[in-house]
Protein backbone atom coordinates (compact mmCIF):
# COMPACT_ATOMS: atom_id res chain seq x y z
CA MET A 1 -96.80 2.91 138.13
CA ASP A 2 -98.33 5.71 140.19
CA ILE A 3 -99.70 3.10 142.60
CA VAL A 4 -96.29 1.45 142.95
CA LEU A 5 -94.65 4.84 143.40
CA SER A 6 -97.17 5.85 146.07
CA VAL A 7 -96.67 2.61 147.99
CA CYS A 8 -92.90 3.01 147.88
CA ASP A 9 -93.17 6.70 148.85
CA ASN A 10 -95.29 5.86 151.88
CA LEU A 11 -93.15 2.96 153.03
CA VAL A 12 -89.60 4.08 152.25
CA LEU A 13 -89.00 6.92 149.84
CA ASP A 14 -90.65 9.77 151.79
CA LYS A 15 -88.23 9.08 154.62
CA PHE A 16 -85.31 8.76 152.21
CA TRP A 17 -86.00 12.06 150.43
CA ALA A 18 -86.76 13.87 153.71
CA ALA A 19 -83.42 12.75 155.11
CA THR A 20 -81.48 13.43 151.91
CA PHE A 21 -83.07 16.74 150.87
CA PRO A 22 -84.85 18.15 153.95
CA ARG A 23 -87.03 21.27 153.94
CA HIS A 24 -85.01 23.64 156.06
CA ASP A 25 -87.83 26.18 156.23
CA ILE A 26 -89.73 23.66 158.35
CA LEU A 27 -87.06 21.54 160.00
CA GLY A 28 -84.11 23.85 160.35
CA ALA A 29 -80.65 23.16 159.03
CA GLY A 30 -79.33 19.72 159.86
CA ASN A 31 -82.49 18.55 161.60
CA THR A 32 -84.23 15.78 159.69
CA THR A 33 -86.16 14.20 162.55
CA ALA A 34 -88.21 17.07 164.00
CA PRO A 35 -91.99 16.59 163.80
CA TYR A 36 -93.97 18.63 161.33
CA PHE A 37 -96.41 21.01 162.96
CA GLY A 38 -97.34 23.07 159.89
CA ALA A 39 -100.88 23.87 158.89
CA GLU A 40 -100.50 22.71 155.28
CA PRO A 41 -102.22 19.37 154.52
CA LEU A 42 -100.11 16.31 153.90
CA PRO A 43 -100.04 14.87 150.36
CA THR A 44 -102.78 12.36 149.75
CA ASP A 45 -102.97 9.38 147.43
CA SER A 46 -105.23 6.45 146.74
CA VAL A 47 -103.05 3.59 147.92
CA SER A 48 -104.57 3.44 151.39
CA GLN A 49 -107.89 2.28 149.93
CA TYR A 50 -106.13 -0.75 148.42
CA PHE A 51 -103.38 -1.48 150.90
CA GLY A 52 -104.28 0.42 154.08
CA ILE A 53 -100.99 2.35 153.98
CA GLN A 54 -101.17 5.80 155.52
CA THR A 55 -99.16 8.78 154.31
CA PRO A 56 -96.30 9.47 156.76
CA PRO A 57 -95.39 12.98 158.01
CA GLU A 58 -92.10 12.76 156.08
CA ALA A 59 -94.12 13.13 152.88
CA TYR A 60 -94.04 16.89 153.43
CA LEU A 61 -90.56 17.23 154.89
CA SER A 62 -88.42 17.12 151.74
CA SER A 63 -87.49 19.98 149.46
CA PHE A 64 -88.23 17.45 146.71
CA ALA A 65 -92.02 17.31 146.73
CA ARG A 66 -93.72 14.12 145.62
CA ASP A 67 -94.82 15.72 142.36
CA ASP A 68 -91.32 16.98 141.51
CA ILE A 69 -90.43 15.44 138.14
CA VAL A 70 -86.77 14.94 139.09
CA ARG A 71 -87.73 13.13 142.30
CA GLN A 72 -90.23 10.98 140.40
CA TYR A 73 -87.67 10.05 137.77
CA PHE A 74 -85.00 8.98 140.25
CA SER A 75 -87.52 7.24 142.50
CA LEU A 76 -88.87 5.26 139.55
CA THR A 77 -85.35 4.43 138.39
CA LEU A 78 -84.55 3.04 141.82
CA ILE A 79 -87.84 1.11 142.00
CA THR A 80 -87.36 -0.36 138.51
CA TRP A 81 -83.80 -1.39 139.30
CA ILE A 82 -84.54 -2.98 142.68
CA PHE A 83 -87.70 -4.76 141.61
CA GLY A 84 -85.97 -5.91 138.42
CA VAL A 85 -83.23 -7.52 140.50
CA LEU A 86 -85.72 -9.14 142.89
CA LEU A 87 -87.94 -10.51 140.11
CA TYR A 88 -84.91 -11.76 138.21
CA PHE A 89 -83.35 -13.70 141.07
CA PHE A 90 -86.63 -14.99 142.48
CA PHE A 91 -88.14 -16.38 139.30
CA ALA A 92 -84.87 -17.36 137.60
CA THR A 93 -83.85 -19.31 140.69
CA LEU A 94 -87.26 -21.03 140.89
CA SER A 95 -86.89 -21.99 137.24
CA TYR A 96 -83.32 -23.14 137.72
CA VAL A 97 -84.15 -25.32 140.73
CA PHE A 98 -87.45 -26.83 139.58
CA ILE A 99 -87.57 -26.65 135.76
CA PHE A 100 -84.19 -26.12 134.10
CA ASP A 101 -82.75 -29.26 132.56
CA LYS A 102 -79.31 -29.70 134.16
CA ALA A 103 -78.26 -31.91 131.24
CA THR A 104 -77.59 -28.58 129.49
CA PHE A 105 -74.32 -28.43 131.46
CA LYS A 106 -72.98 -31.28 129.33
CA HIS A 107 -73.78 -29.62 126.01
CA PRO A 108 -70.66 -28.94 123.91
CA LYS A 109 -71.58 -25.27 123.67
CA TYR A 110 -72.22 -24.61 127.35
CA LEU A 111 -69.74 -21.97 128.49
CA GLN A 112 -67.18 -22.12 131.22
CA ASN A 113 -68.61 -20.41 134.35
CA GLN A 114 -71.71 -19.58 132.30
CA ILE A 115 -74.22 -18.94 135.10
CA ARG A 116 -71.80 -16.60 136.85
CA LEU A 117 -71.25 -14.75 133.56
CA GLU A 118 -75.00 -14.52 132.89
CA ILE A 119 -75.66 -13.05 136.34
CA ALA A 120 -72.73 -10.62 136.01
CA GLN A 121 -74.02 -9.35 132.64
CA THR A 122 -77.50 -8.89 134.10
CA MET A 123 -76.23 -6.99 137.15
CA ILE A 124 -74.21 -4.67 134.91
CA SER A 125 -77.15 -4.01 132.59
CA LEU A 126 -80.13 -3.64 134.94
CA PRO A 127 -79.17 -0.15 136.26
CA GLY A 128 -78.83 1.15 132.71
CA MET A 129 -82.11 -0.42 131.65
CA ALA A 130 -83.80 1.18 134.68
CA LEU A 131 -82.42 4.63 133.81
CA LEU A 132 -83.67 4.31 130.24
CA THR A 133 -87.06 2.91 131.24
CA ALA A 134 -87.87 5.43 133.98
CA PRO A 135 -88.85 8.23 131.53
CA PHE A 136 -91.79 6.08 130.34
CA PHE A 137 -92.90 5.44 133.92
CA THR A 138 -92.46 9.12 134.81
CA ALA A 139 -94.68 10.15 131.91
CA GLU A 140 -97.30 7.61 133.03
CA VAL A 141 -97.23 8.89 136.62
CA ARG A 142 -97.66 12.45 135.35
CA GLY A 143 -100.79 11.46 133.47
CA PHE A 144 -99.61 11.32 129.86
CA GLY A 145 -100.64 7.72 129.22
CA MET A 146 -104.01 6.00 128.93
CA LEU A 147 -103.77 4.01 132.16
CA TYR A 148 -107.05 3.95 134.06
CA GLU A 149 -108.18 2.83 137.51
CA ALA A 150 -111.98 2.53 137.60
CA VAL A 151 -113.06 -0.72 135.95
CA ASP A 152 -116.18 0.91 134.50
CA THR A 153 -114.16 3.52 132.57
CA TYR A 154 -114.44 1.34 129.45
CA PRO A 155 -116.87 -1.45 128.48
CA ARG A 156 -116.51 -4.65 130.49
CA TRP A 157 -115.43 -6.64 127.42
CA TYR A 158 -112.37 -4.39 127.07
CA LEU A 159 -111.22 -5.32 130.57
CA TYR A 160 -110.54 -8.82 129.18
CA PHE A 161 -109.65 -7.86 125.60
CA GLN A 162 -106.76 -5.63 126.70
CA PHE A 163 -104.69 -8.72 127.63
CA PRO A 164 -104.57 -10.40 124.19
CA LEU A 165 -104.32 -6.95 122.59
CA PHE A 166 -101.26 -6.18 124.71
CA LEU A 167 -99.62 -9.49 123.78
CA LEU A 168 -100.29 -9.09 120.05
CA PHE A 169 -99.14 -5.47 119.96
CA THR A 170 -95.94 -6.08 121.92
CA ASP A 171 -95.15 -9.31 120.09
CA PHE A 172 -95.33 -7.43 116.79
CA GLY A 173 -93.10 -4.62 118.04
CA ILE A 174 -90.53 -6.90 119.65
CA TYR A 175 -90.31 -9.02 116.51
CA TRP A 176 -89.17 -6.09 114.38
CA ILE A 177 -86.93 -4.57 117.04
CA HIS A 178 -85.30 -7.93 117.72
CA ARG A 179 -84.86 -8.60 114.02
CA GLY A 180 -83.32 -5.15 113.61
CA LEU A 181 -80.84 -5.92 116.40
CA HIS A 182 -79.52 -8.74 114.22
CA HIS A 183 -78.56 -6.33 111.44
CA LYS A 184 -74.82 -6.51 110.89
CA LEU A 185 -74.38 -2.81 111.76
CA VAL A 186 -76.07 -3.30 115.14
CA TYR A 187 -75.53 -6.90 116.21
CA LYS A 188 -71.89 -6.82 117.33
CA ASN A 189 -72.25 -3.64 119.38
CA LEU A 190 -75.59 -4.34 121.07
CA HIS A 191 -77.08 -7.79 120.66
CA LYS A 192 -74.00 -10.02 120.65
CA PRO A 193 -73.70 -10.07 124.49
CA HIS A 194 -77.03 -11.89 124.70
CA HIS A 195 -75.99 -14.38 122.03
CA LYS A 196 -72.94 -15.29 124.02
CA TRP A 197 -75.20 -17.92 125.58
CA ILE A 198 -75.63 -20.61 122.93
CA MET A 199 -77.33 -22.92 125.43
CA PRO A 200 -78.88 -20.42 127.88
CA THR A 201 -79.97 -21.00 131.46
CA PRO A 202 -82.82 -19.08 133.17
CA TYR A 203 -80.18 -16.57 134.37
CA ALA A 204 -79.54 -15.61 130.73
CA SER A 205 -83.07 -14.21 130.46
CA HIS A 206 -82.02 -10.66 131.35
CA ALA A 207 -78.34 -10.91 130.39
CA PHE A 208 -78.40 -8.23 127.69
CA HIS A 209 -76.50 -5.11 126.84
CA ALA A 210 -78.51 -2.40 128.64
CA VAL A 211 -79.57 -0.65 125.43
CA ASP A 212 -80.54 -3.99 123.85
CA GLY A 213 -82.72 -4.98 126.81
CA TRP A 214 -84.33 -1.53 126.90
CA ALA A 215 -84.94 -1.48 123.14
CA GLN A 216 -86.80 -4.79 123.25
CA SER A 217 -88.96 -3.50 126.11
CA ILE A 218 -90.11 -0.37 124.25
CA PRO A 219 -93.37 -1.92 122.94
CA TYR A 220 -94.41 -2.74 126.53
CA HIS A 221 -94.08 0.90 127.52
CA VAL A 222 -95.53 2.37 124.34
CA PHE A 223 -98.74 0.32 124.62
CA PRO A 224 -100.37 2.34 127.46
CA PHE A 225 -99.75 5.54 125.49
CA VAL A 226 -101.66 4.11 122.52
CA PHE A 227 -104.33 1.92 124.11
CA PRO A 228 -106.20 2.10 127.42
CA LEU A 229 -104.79 -0.27 130.03
CA HIS A 230 -105.97 -0.86 133.57
CA LYS A 231 -103.32 0.01 136.14
CA PHE A 232 -103.40 -3.34 137.89
CA ALA A 233 -103.45 -5.15 134.53
CA TYR A 234 -100.28 -3.25 133.66
CA LEU A 235 -98.57 -4.42 136.85
CA ALA A 236 -99.71 -8.01 136.25
CA LEU A 237 -98.48 -7.93 132.64
CA PHE A 238 -95.16 -6.37 133.66
CA THR A 239 -94.62 -9.28 136.08
CA PHE A 240 -95.76 -11.82 133.48
CA ILE A 241 -93.29 -10.43 130.93
CA ASN A 242 -90.40 -11.02 133.31
CA ILE A 243 -91.57 -14.57 134.07
CA TRP A 244 -92.10 -15.35 130.38
CA THR A 245 -88.63 -14.09 129.50
CA ILE A 246 -87.21 -16.54 132.03
CA MET A 247 -89.43 -19.38 130.81
CA ILE A 248 -88.20 -19.22 127.23
CA HIS A 249 -84.63 -19.60 128.52
CA ASP A 250 -85.31 -22.51 130.89
CA GLY A 251 -84.23 -25.34 128.57
CA GLU A 252 -87.35 -27.38 129.28
CA TYR A 253 -89.06 -27.90 125.94
CA VAL A 254 -92.69 -28.44 126.92
CA ALA A 255 -94.57 -26.28 124.42
CA ASN A 256 -94.46 -28.12 121.09
CA SER A 257 -96.92 -25.69 119.57
CA PRO A 258 -96.99 -24.13 116.11
CA LEU A 259 -98.27 -20.89 117.67
CA ILE A 260 -96.47 -20.44 121.01
CA ASN A 261 -92.89 -19.22 120.98
CA GLY A 262 -91.74 -21.41 123.86
CA ALA A 263 -88.31 -22.43 125.11
CA ALA A 264 -87.75 -24.82 122.19
CA CYS A 265 -88.40 -22.07 119.62
CA HIS A 266 -86.15 -19.66 121.48
CA THR A 267 -83.40 -22.26 121.75
CA MET A 268 -83.47 -22.41 117.94
CA HIS A 269 -82.82 -18.67 118.01
CA HIS A 270 -79.83 -18.96 120.34
CA LEU A 271 -78.39 -21.87 118.38
CA TYR A 272 -78.99 -20.62 114.86
CA PHE A 273 -79.30 -16.84 115.34
CA ASN A 274 -81.47 -15.77 112.40
CA TYR A 275 -84.76 -17.44 113.29
CA ASN A 276 -87.65 -17.07 115.76
CA TYR A 277 -87.36 -13.41 116.73
CA GLY A 278 -90.82 -13.32 118.32
CA GLN A 279 -91.46 -13.11 122.04
CA PHE A 280 -94.81 -14.79 122.67
CA THR A 281 -95.96 -16.29 119.38
CA THR A 282 -94.60 -17.55 116.09
CA LEU A 283 -97.10 -15.44 114.11
CA TRP A 284 -94.79 -12.65 112.99
CA ASP A 285 -91.91 -15.06 112.29
CA ARG A 286 -94.21 -17.02 110.01
CA LEU A 287 -95.36 -13.88 108.23
CA GLY A 288 -91.81 -12.52 108.08
CA GLY A 289 -90.28 -15.73 106.77
CA SER A 290 -88.03 -16.26 109.81
CA TYR A 291 -89.79 -19.13 111.55
CA ARG A 292 -87.83 -22.30 112.23
CA LYS A 293 -89.66 -25.28 113.65
CA PRO A 294 -87.83 -26.79 116.63
CA ASN A 295 -86.18 -30.14 116.04
CA MET A 296 -88.56 -32.89 117.18
CA GLU A 297 -85.64 -34.52 119.00
CA LEU A 298 -85.81 -31.71 121.58
CA PHE A 299 -89.16 -32.93 122.89
CA TYR A 300 -88.00 -36.41 123.85
CA LYS A 301 -85.64 -36.95 126.77
CA GLU A 302 -83.71 -39.77 125.16
CA THR A 303 -82.94 -37.77 121.98
CA LYS A 304 -82.76 -34.26 123.46
CA VAL A 305 -79.34 -34.94 124.98
CA SER A 306 -78.17 -37.48 122.43
CA GLU A 307 -74.73 -37.37 120.86
CA GLY A 308 -76.22 -37.24 117.37
CA GLU A 309 -78.52 -34.29 118.10
CA TRP A 310 -75.77 -32.29 119.77
CA LYS A 311 -73.39 -33.00 116.90
CA ARG A 312 -75.92 -31.68 114.36
CA GLN A 313 -76.53 -28.58 116.47
CA VAL A 314 -72.81 -27.87 116.87
CA GLU A 315 -71.95 -28.29 113.20
CA GLU A 316 -74.65 -25.90 111.98
CA MET A 317 -74.18 -23.44 114.84
CA GLU A 318 -70.42 -23.13 114.22
CA GLU A 319 -70.96 -22.45 110.54
CA ILE A 320 -73.47 -19.67 111.38
CA VAL A 321 -71.16 -18.18 114.03
CA ARG A 322 -68.34 -17.91 111.50
CA GLU A 323 -70.70 -16.11 109.13
CA VAL A 324 -72.34 -13.81 111.70
CA GLU A 325 -69.43 -13.10 114.07
CA ASN A 326 -66.39 -13.87 111.88
CA GLY A 327 -65.11 -16.31 114.49
CA ASP A 328 -66.01 -17.57 117.93
CA ASP A 329 -64.47 -15.92 121.00
CA ARG A 330 -66.42 -17.93 123.57
CA VAL A 331 -64.71 -20.20 126.11
CA TYR A 332 -66.62 -23.44 126.49
CA ALA A 333 -66.79 -25.63 129.56
CA GLY A 334 -65.46 -28.55 127.53
CA GLY A 335 -62.13 -26.78 127.12
CA GLU A 336 -62.35 -25.02 123.74
CA GLU A 337 -60.30 -21.83 123.91
CA LYS A 338 -60.90 -18.47 122.32
CA GLY A 339 -60.14 -18.28 118.65
CA VAL A 340 -59.53 -22.01 118.13
CA LYS A 341 -60.46 -22.91 114.59
CA VAL A 342 -62.80 -25.86 114.17
CA THR A 343 -61.07 -28.49 112.08
CA GLY A 344 -62.52 -31.80 113.12
CA VAL A 345 -64.44 -33.79 115.68
CA GLU A 346 -63.05 -35.38 118.80
CA LYS A 347 -64.74 -37.24 121.60
CA ARG A 348 -64.70 -35.82 125.14
CA GLY A 349 -66.64 -37.26 128.02
CA GLY A 350 -68.82 -39.42 125.80
CA VAL A 351 -69.93 -36.52 123.57
CA LYS A 352 -68.41 -35.62 120.25
CA ARG A 353 -67.16 -32.04 120.26
CA ARG A 354 -65.66 -29.81 117.64
CA ALA A 355 -62.00 -29.05 118.31
């Protein structure tokens, strides 16, 4: 993250901090635009060798120096928040337009105004997740991790091995954290907001309670404090994680694999709650006894949206919701109101729905 921070400092943040907290010993009170004619050298960094970005004079004109830990923390919070929003909307929208199966809108358990609610939950949570995540990034920038820049720092084989190692390590950590979030003492206060979406869209990918989203990201941030990780590999993996999170909520069940935890596996989790806690693979679910194979009907267009498949999903899901949440307070697009007890089956719009 030091490279990202340096780029943002050079392009935007040096000017922001110089204007917000100017050095009056150089500029004079109230003057944030005067040129710097001091003899002290300007801060230097390595980003120019990669991106050709030169350090601006404003880098020395703030009372908050670049290496001030408070400035770094708030800068990284802002960067994490803004880039989180941009990545979310860019990739979730691409997925929604080109991949997401719009037949999901007709599912009996699709919520009223669901996409708007998913986006609202995400926008509420992202600032909190950024505040909680920034301490990890600040520690990395200050040199406490094992991030490295020169490719010959470690053997060449490790340059490639760090990618599967990262995925295995984080998948293991997320499995246990996610499973812990389903404990009855934790679920209703933290994880329930994400399970509001029984049939999620790509916009549900980041629609968590802030502490829930942060908790599930901890393994990503712990990894570079335990294992060496190339700085650019870290940035690539951080982007991949966001894309993957969207992909497993896209409703397009392509990966019928016993190993990959794709959208079909994750849909089983949203429908039936206590299965498929993993992020990338089914390995830890299999070892932990929580793996549930996706229904084969999901992989065929004609049966994926069939009345019979949806009826089976609804009947089992409602029984689990009563057990896990002691009732269902969701408002569904089909017209089911909060707190309505399921007593039978009626037919609406060609699909049998519980009412």
